[in-house]
Amino acid sequence: MEICPKCGLPDQACVCDQIVKSSQKIRVTTDKKRYGKIVTIITGFESGIDVKQIAKDLKNSLACGGTYKDNVVELQGDHKSKVGDLLIGLGFDRDSIGE
């Protein structure tokens, strides 16, 4: 049985990811890019979070394109109202998500 080096619990009962996700201060905003296109920008991810996987899950759920870079996720289109609920579904606290 493998033991997590951070929390000392077995890997099946490890709570490190949940603790890291609950301590984030995530900010969801929109911005206008070239030619008047709207993008949704999600910032505030700290180290220890797999931003690539979060971006992939959000893009699949919203059926849109986007990218991630330097712990910032950009989604094509105005998805500000939907992103909060999706982030809560991914394990983030409702109180940590701001606009």
Protein backbone atom coordinates (compact mmCIF):
# COMPACT_ATOMS: atom_id res chain seq x y z
CA MET A 1 0.00 0.00 0.00
CA GLU A 2 1.38 3.38 -1.02
CA ILE A 3 1.48 6.24 1.49
CA CYS A 4 1.16 9.89 0.45
CA PRO A 5 4.30 11.81 1.51
CA LYS A 6 2.34 15.03 2.13
CA CYS A 7 -0.54 13.94 4.35
CA GLY A 8 0.62 10.50 5.49
CA LEU A 9 -2.60 8.77 4.46
CA PRO A 10 -2.88 5.85 2.05
CA ASP A 11 -3.21 6.93 -1.59
CA GLN A 12 -6.86 5.83 -1.70
CA ALA A 13 -7.74 8.15 1.21
CA CYS A 14 -5.39 11.04 0.30
CA VAL A 15 -6.98 14.48 0.76
CA CYS A 16 -4.13 16.62 -0.56
CA ASP A 17 -5.90 17.52 -3.82
CA GLN A 18 -9.08 18.57 -2.01
CA ILE A 19 -7.16 20.75 0.45
CA VAL A 20 -5.25 22.45 -2.36
CA LYS A 21 -8.44 23.07 -4.35
CA SER A 22 -10.28 24.55 -1.37
CA SER A 23 -7.50 27.07 -0.68
CA GLN A 24 -7.55 28.63 -4.18
CA LYS A 25 -8.80 32.15 -4.94
CA ILE A 26 -10.13 31.77 -8.48
CA ARG A 27 -11.26 34.76 -10.52
CA VAL A 28 -13.47 34.50 -13.62
CA THR A 29 -13.54 37.49 -15.99
CA THR A 30 -14.23 38.24 -19.64
CA ASP A 31 -12.13 40.23 -22.08
CA LYS A 32 -12.39 41.45 -25.65
CA LYS A 33 -9.70 40.27 -28.02
CA ARG A 34 -9.00 41.07 -31.64
CA TYR A 35 -11.97 41.82 -33.88
CA GLY A 36 -14.30 42.09 -30.88
CA LYS A 37 -14.18 38.42 -29.89
CA ILE A 38 -15.05 37.68 -26.25
CA VAL A 39 -12.92 35.27 -24.17
CA THR A 40 -13.47 34.02 -20.64
CA ILE A 41 -10.33 34.22 -18.49
CA ILE A 42 -9.92 32.09 -15.36
CA THR A 43 -7.00 33.04 -13.09
CA GLY A 44 -5.81 32.32 -9.56
CA PHE A 45 -4.62 28.73 -9.84
CA GLU A 46 -1.66 28.02 -7.59
CA SER A 47 0.95 25.31 -7.92
CA GLY A 48 -0.23 21.81 -7.19
CA ILE A 49 -3.22 22.11 -9.52
CA ASP A 50 -3.26 20.42 -12.93
CA VAL A 51 -4.33 23.43 -15.00
CA LYS A 52 -4.02 21.46 -18.22
CA GLN A 53 -6.63 18.93 -17.08
CA ILE A 54 -8.94 21.67 -15.77
CA ALA A 55 -8.75 23.49 -19.10
CA LYS A 56 -9.48 20.25 -20.95
CA ASP A 57 -12.50 19.46 -18.75
CA LEU A 58 -13.91 22.99 -19.11
CA LYS A 59 -13.46 22.99 -22.89
CA ASN A 60 -15.19 19.61 -23.20
CA SER A 61 -18.08 20.61 -20.94
CA LEU A 62 -18.66 23.95 -22.66
CA ALA A 63 -17.97 22.69 -26.22
CA CYS A 64 -15.60 25.55 -26.94
CA GLY A 65 -11.96 26.11 -27.77
CA GLY A 66 -9.38 27.59 -25.48
CA THR A 67 -5.91 27.41 -24.07
CA TYR A 68 -3.94 27.46 -20.84
CA LYS A 69 -0.65 29.20 -20.11
CA ASP A 70 1.09 30.30 -16.90
CA ASN A 71 -1.75 29.00 -14.69
CA VAL A 72 -4.34 30.98 -16.67
CA VAL A 73 -7.15 29.34 -18.64
CA GLU A 74 -8.69 31.17 -21.62
CA LEU A 75 -11.93 29.90 -23.12
CA GLN A 76 -13.37 31.14 -26.40
CA GLY A 77 -16.74 32.81 -25.86
CA ASP A 78 -18.60 34.34 -22.93
CA HIS A 79 -19.01 31.46 -20.44
CA LYS A 80 -18.76 33.51 -17.25
CA SER A 81 -22.14 32.35 -15.92
CA LYS A 82 -21.45 28.64 -16.51
CA VAL A 83 -17.82 28.31 -15.42
CA GLY A 84 -18.53 28.71 -11.69
CA ASP A 85 -20.82 25.68 -11.55
CA LEU A 86 -18.38 23.59 -13.58
CA LEU A 87 -15.48 24.50 -11.27
CA ILE A 88 -17.58 23.50 -8.27
CA GLY A 89 -18.20 20.18 -9.99
CA LEU A 90 -14.43 19.77 -10.38
CA GLY A 91 -13.96 20.08 -6.59
CA PHE A 92 -13.39 23.80 -5.95
CA ASP A 93 -15.20 25.68 -3.17
CA ARG A 94 -18.07 28.00 -4.07
CA ASP A 95 -16.60 30.68 -1.76
CA SER A 96 -13.22 30.62 -3.53
CA ILE A 97 -14.67 31.47 -6.95
CA GLY A 98 -15.11 35.19 -7.54
CA GLU A 99 -15.90 37.45 -10.44
